[in-house]
C-alpha atoms as a PDB file:
ATOM      1  CA  MET A   1       4.994  -7.921  -7.225  1.00  0.00           C
ATOM      2  CA  PHE A   2       2.699  -4.950  -7.615  1.00  0.00           C
ATOM      3  CA  ILE A   3       3.191  -2.847 -10.735  1.00  0.00           C
ATOM      4  CA  GLY A   4       1.122  -0.446 -12.813  1.00  0.00           C
ATOM      5  CA  ARG A   5      -1.909   1.693 -12.085  1.00  0.00           C
ATOM      6  CA  HIS A   6      -5.535   0.605 -11.896  1.00  0.00           C
ATOM      7  CA  THR A   7      -8.466   2.952 -11.256  1.00  0.00           C
ATOM      8  CA  ASN A   8     -11.655   1.530  -9.756  1.00  0.00           C
ATOM      9  CA  LYS A   9     -14.950   2.913  -8.473  1.00  0.00           C
ATOM     10  CA  ILE A  10     -15.862   3.127  -4.793  1.00  0.00           C
ATOM     11  CA  ASP A  11     -19.542   2.606  -4.041  1.00  0.00           C
ATOM     12  CA  LYS A  12     -21.593   4.347  -1.351  1.00  0.00           C
ATOM     13  CA  LYS A  13     -20.848   1.515   1.132  1.00  0.00           C
ATOM     14  CA  GLY A  14     -17.081   2.016   0.700  1.00  0.00           C
ATOM     15  CA  ARG A  15     -16.666  -1.133  -1.387  1.00  0.00           C
ATOM     16  CA  LEU A  16     -13.707  -1.103  -3.728  1.00  0.00           C
ATOM     17  CA  SER A  17     -12.583  -3.802  -6.178  1.00  0.00           C
ATOM     18  CA  VAL A  18      -8.965  -4.831  -5.733  1.00  0.00           C
ATOM     19  CA  PRO A  19      -7.506  -5.201  -9.251  1.00  0.00           C
ATOM     20  CA  LYS A  20      -7.202  -8.835 -10.321  1.00  0.00           C
ATOM     21  CA  ALA A  21      -3.466  -8.444 -10.983  1.00  0.00           C
ATOM     22  CA  PHE A  22      -3.037  -7.250  -7.390  1.00  0.00           C
ATOM     23  CA  ARG A  23      -5.248 -10.022  -5.967  1.00  0.00           C
ATOM     24  CA  ASP A  24      -3.126 -12.532  -7.889  1.00  0.00           C
ATOM     25  CA  ALA A  25       0.071 -10.977  -6.480  1.00  0.00           C
ATOM     26  CA  LEU A  26      -1.387 -11.110  -2.961  1.00  0.00           C
ATOM     27  CA  GLY A  27      -1.821 -14.874  -3.243  1.00  0.00           C
ATOM     28  CA  ASP A  28      -3.978 -16.650  -0.680  1.00  0.00           C
ATOM     29  CA  ALA A  29      -7.457 -15.139  -0.908  1.00  0.00           C
ATOM     30  CA  ALA A  30      -8.181 -16.254   2.664  1.00  0.00           C
ATOM     31  CA  ASP A  31      -5.749 -13.594   3.920  1.00  0.00           C
ATOM     32  CA  GLY A  32      -7.411 -10.765   2.000  1.00  0.00           C
ATOM     33  CA  VAL A  33      -5.362  -7.584   1.998  1.00  0.00           C
ATOM     34  CA  PHE A  34      -3.746  -5.485   4.725  1.00  0.00           C
ATOM     35  CA  VAL A  35      -4.239  -1.721   4.434  1.00  0.00           C
ATOM     36  CA  PHE A  36      -2.986   1.143   6.602  1.00  0.00           C
ATOM     37  CA  PRO A  37      -2.801   4.928   6.284  1.00  0.00           C
ATOM     38  CA  SER A  38       0.438   6.259   4.842  1.00  0.00           C
ATOM     39  CA  PHE A  39       2.147   8.453   7.402  1.00  0.00           C
ATOM     40  CA  LYS A  40       3.889  10.273   4.555  1.00  0.00           C
ATOM     41  CA  TYR A  41       1.079  10.945   2.067  1.00  0.00           C
ATOM     42  CA  PRO A  42      -2.711  11.310   1.883  1.00  0.00           C
ATOM     43  CA  ALA A  43      -2.836   7.741   0.601  1.00  0.00           C
ATOM     44  CA  LEU A  44      -3.198   4.182   1.831  1.00  0.00           C
ATOM     45  CA  GLU A  45      -0.524   1.499   1.879  1.00  0.00           C
ATOM     46  CA  GLY A  46      -1.565  -2.024   0.967  1.00  0.00           C
ATOM     47  CA  ALA A  47       0.229  -5.337   1.176  1.00  0.00           C
ATOM     48  CA  GLY A  48      -0.119  -9.031   1.722  1.00  0.00           C
ATOM     49  CA  ARG A  49       0.543 -11.043   4.853  1.00  0.00           C
ATOM     50  CA  ASP A  50       4.168 -11.674   3.805  1.00  0.00           C
ATOM     51  CA  PHE A  51       4.965  -7.943   3.812  1.00  0.00           C
ATOM     52  CA  ILE A  52       3.315  -7.414   7.208  1.00  0.00           C
ATOM     53  CA  GLU A  53       5.293 -10.364   8.617  1.00  0.00           C
ATOM     54  CA  ARG A  54       8.538  -8.864   7.235  1.00  0.00           C
ATOM     55  CA  PHE A  55       7.600  -5.518   8.803  1.00  0.00           C
ATOM     56  CA  VAL A  56       7.001  -7.118  12.213  1.00  0.00           C
ATOM     57  CA  ALA A  57      10.305  -9.025  12.005  1.00  0.00           C
ATOM     58  CA  SER A  58      12.113  -5.807  11.049  1.00  0.00           C
ATOM     59  CA  LEU A  59      10.670  -4.071  14.123  1.00  0.00           C
ATOM     60  CA  ASP A  60      12.432  -6.710  16.206  1.00  0.00           C
ATOM     61  CA  ASP A  61      15.731  -5.402  14.798  1.00  0.00           C
ATOM     62  CA  LEU A  62      15.135  -2.098  16.589  1.00  0.00           C
ATOM     63  CA  ASP A  63      15.827  -1.634  20.274  1.00  0.00           C
ATOM     64  CA  LEU A  64      12.890  -2.853  22.344  1.00  0.00           C
ATOM     65  CA  PHE A  65      10.867   0.077  23.681  1.00  0.00           C
ATOM     66  CA  SER A  66      12.882   2.587  21.629  1.00  0.00           C
ATOM     67  CA  ASP A  67      11.015   5.580  20.234  1.00  0.00           C
ATOM     68  CA  ASP A  68      11.637   4.342  16.678  1.00  0.00           C
ATOM     69  CA  GLN A  69      10.201   0.904  17.408  1.00  0.00           C
ATOM     70  CA  ASP A  70       7.265   2.336  19.336  1.00  0.00           C
ATOM     71  CA  ASP A  71       6.460   4.983  16.716  1.00  0.00           C
ATOM     72  CA  LEU A  72       6.601   2.579  13.778  1.00  0.00           C
ATOM     73  CA  ALA A  73       4.521  -0.058  15.562  1.00  0.00           C
ATOM     74  CA  ALA A  74       1.949   2.540  16.602  1.00  0.00           C
ATOM     75  CA  THR A  75       1.870   4.209  13.195  1.00  0.00           C
ATOM     76  CA  VAL A  76       1.663   1.081  11.080  1.00  0.00           C
ATOM     77  CA  LEU A  77       0.497  -1.934  13.071  1.00  0.00           C
ATOM     78  CA  ALA A  78      -2.059  -0.199  15.255  1.00  0.00           C
ATOM     79  CA  ASN A  79      -3.654   1.317  12.143  1.00  0.00           C
ATOM     80  CA  THR A  80      -3.534  -1.732   9.862  1.00  0.00           C
ATOM     81  CA  ASN A  81      -6.867  -3.138   8.732  1.00  0.00           C
ATOM     82  CA  ALA A  82      -7.105  -6.753   7.572  1.00  0.00           C
ATOM     83  CA  LEU A  83      -9.729  -6.550   4.823  1.00  0.00           C
ATOM     84  CA  ALA A  84     -11.459  -9.676   3.541  1.00  0.00           C
ATOM     85  CA  TYR A  85     -12.626  -9.996  -0.068  1.00  0.00           C
ATOM     86  CA  ASP A  86     -16.259 -10.403  -0.929  1.00  0.00           C
ATOM     87  CA  PRO A  87     -17.155 -12.869  -3.729  1.00  0.00           C
ATOM     88  CA  GLU A  88     -16.493 -10.161  -6.376  1.00  0.00           C
ATOM     89  CA  GLY A  89     -12.987  -9.371  -5.095  1.00  0.00           C
ATOM     90  CA  ARG A  90     -14.032  -6.193  -3.316  1.00  0.00           C
ATOM     91  CA  VAL A  91     -13.045  -4.950   0.116  1.00  0.00           C
ATOM     92  CA  ILE A  92     -14.842  -2.471   2.333  1.00  0.00           C
ATOM     93  CA  LEU A  93     -12.651   0.492   3.273  1.00  0.00           C
ATOM     94  CA  PRO A  94     -13.446   1.846   6.747  1.00  0.00           C
ATOM     95  CA  LYS A  95     -14.403   5.525   6.936  1.00  0.00           C
ATOM     96  CA  THR A  96     -11.121   6.372   8.698  1.00  0.00           C
ATOM     97  CA  LEU A  97      -9.180   5.082   5.671  1.00  0.00           C
ATOM     98  CA  LEU A  98     -11.490   6.786   3.174  1.00  0.00           C
ATOM     99  CA  ASP A  99     -11.071  10.079   5.042  1.00  0.00           C
ATOM    100  CA  HIS A 100      -7.289   9.776   5.402  1.00  0.00           C
ATOM    101  CA  ALA A 101      -6.789   9.288   1.654  1.00  0.00           C
ATOM    102  CA  GLU A 102      -9.509  11.810   0.729  1.00  0.00           C
ATOM    103  CA  LEU A 103     -11.217   9.151  -1.368  1.00  0.00           C
ATOM    104  CA  GLY A 104     -14.502   9.888  -3.067  1.00  0.00           C
ATOM    105  CA  ASP A 105     -16.042   7.718  -5.757  1.00  0.00           C
ATOM    106  CA  GLU A 106     -12.783   6.508  -7.351  1.00  0.00           C
ATOM    107  CA  ALA A 107      -9.422   5.199  -6.230  1.00  0.00           C
ATOM    108  CA  VAL A 108      -6.223   4.461  -8.095  1.00  0.00           C
ATOM    109  CA  PHE A 109      -4.121   1.457  -7.068  1.00  0.00           C
ATOM    110  CA  VAL A 110      -0.434   2.179  -7.641  1.00  0.00           C
ATOM    111  CA  GLY A 111       2.148  -0.599  -7.699  1.00  0.00           C
ATOM    112  CA  ARG A 112       5.187  -0.136  -5.451  1.00  0.00           C
ATOM    113  CA  GLY A 113       6.904  -3.507  -5.844  1.00  0.00           C
ATOM    114  CA  SER A 114       6.351  -5.453  -2.629  1.00  0.00           C
ATOM    115  CA  ARG A 115       3.411  -3.261  -1.651  1.00  0.00           C
ATOM    116  CA  PHE A 116       0.973  -0.866  -3.278  1.00  0.00           C
ATOM    117  CA  GLN A 117      -0.718   2.422  -2.552  1.00  0.00           C
ATOM    118  CA  ILE A 118      -4.310   3.567  -2.944  1.00  0.00           C
ATOM    119  CA  TRP A 119      -4.773   7.229  -3.863  1.00  0.00           C
ATOM    120  CA  SER A 120      -7.421   9.673  -4.909  1.00  0.00           C
ATOM    121  CA  PRO A 121      -6.768   9.908  -8.676  1.00  0.00           C
ATOM    122  CA  THR A 122      -6.379  13.709  -8.543  1.00  0.00           C
ATOM    123  CA  LEU A 123      -3.975  13.649  -5.592  1.00  0.00           C
ATOM    124  CA  PHE A 124      -1.937  10.887  -7.215  1.00  0.00           C
ATOM    125  CA  GLU A 125      -1.542  12.765 -10.491  1.00  0.00           C
ATOM    126  CA  THR A 126      -0.142  15.763  -8.583  1.00  0.00           C
ATOM    127  CA  HIS A 127       2.135  13.541  -6.482  1.00  0.00           C
ATOM    128  CA  ASN A 128       3.319  11.566  -9.514  1.00  0.00           C
ATOM    129  CA  ALA A 129       4.177  14.707 -11.491  1.00  0.00           C
ATOM    130  CA  ARG A 130       6.193  16.064  -8.553  1.00  0.00           C
ATOM    131  CA  ALA A 131       8.002  12.736  -8.010  1.00  0.00           C
ATOM    132  CA  PHE A 132       8.835  12.515 -11.707  1.00  0.00           C
ATOM    133  CA  GLU A 133      10.235  16.049 -11.674  1.00  0.00           C
ATOM    134  CA  ARG A 134      12.271  15.418  -8.484  1.00  0.00           C
ATOM    135  CA  ALA A 135      13.772  12.245  -9.974  1.00  0.00           C
ATOM    136  CA  ARG A 136      14.587  14.045 -13.219  1.00  0.00           C
ATOM    137  CA  SER A 137      16.125  17.095 -11.510  1.00  0.00           C
ATOM    138  CA  ARG A 138      18.325  14.896  -9.270  1.00  0.00           C
ATOM    139  CA  GLY A 139      19.317  12.646 -12.145  1.00  0.00           C
ATOM    140  CA  ALA A 140      18.118   9.698 -10.072  1.00  0.00           C
ATOM    141  CA  THR A 141      19.714   6.369 -10.927  1.00  0.00           C
ATOM    142  CA  LEU A 142      19.465   2.856  -9.579  1.00  0.00           C
ATOM    143  CA  ALA A 143      22.055   0.105  -9.578  1.00  0.00           C
ATOM    144  CA  LEU A 144      20.068  -2.996 -10.481  1.00  0.00           C
ATOM    145  CA  ARG A 145      20.611  -6.110  -8.406  1.00  0.00           C
ATOM    146  CA  ASN A 146      21.837  -9.261 -10.072  1.00  0.00           C
ATOM    147  CA  THR A 147      18.768 -11.530 -10.038  1.00  0.00           C
ATOM    148  CA  ASP A 148      21.006 -14.557  -9.409  1.00  0.00           C
ATOM    149  CA  LYS A 149      21.559 -13.288  -5.871  1.00  0.00           C
ATOM    150  CA  ILE A 150      17.972 -12.412  -4.927  1.00  0.00           C
ATOM    151  CA  GLU A 151      16.460 -14.774  -2.400  1.00  0.00           C
ATOM    152  CA  PRO A 152      12.808 -15.713  -3.053  1.00  0.00           C
END
């Protein structure tokens, strides 16, 4: 699982180190990491092959050729980049991804459980403060699952 925050530098070639904790959570280094633009925020969504496979299988639950299926496939799958690691655990973010997330010389990796996000540190701090305030004002709660019933 992906938890915590990790800030790393982006060099002039768009190379960015994926935090070791996240690389470990991603598993097989041969798969690298899958990254796509968030359609909700000026951020990137990142995940491993298992998440992308679950996403594809979930699309099959929607009506074939429905607007929902088409929109989600076009928004996520058509814009997903499979990024390989270099020997130092870095990936190269394409310019389209850098531009979408308004990334400059730093990026913050933010754990989201089964996936993670990559933000500009400044944009994330603003987003995080707003999310914290929304959760507090709503009195957000969560009924925790019994771990005995969670399938691996």
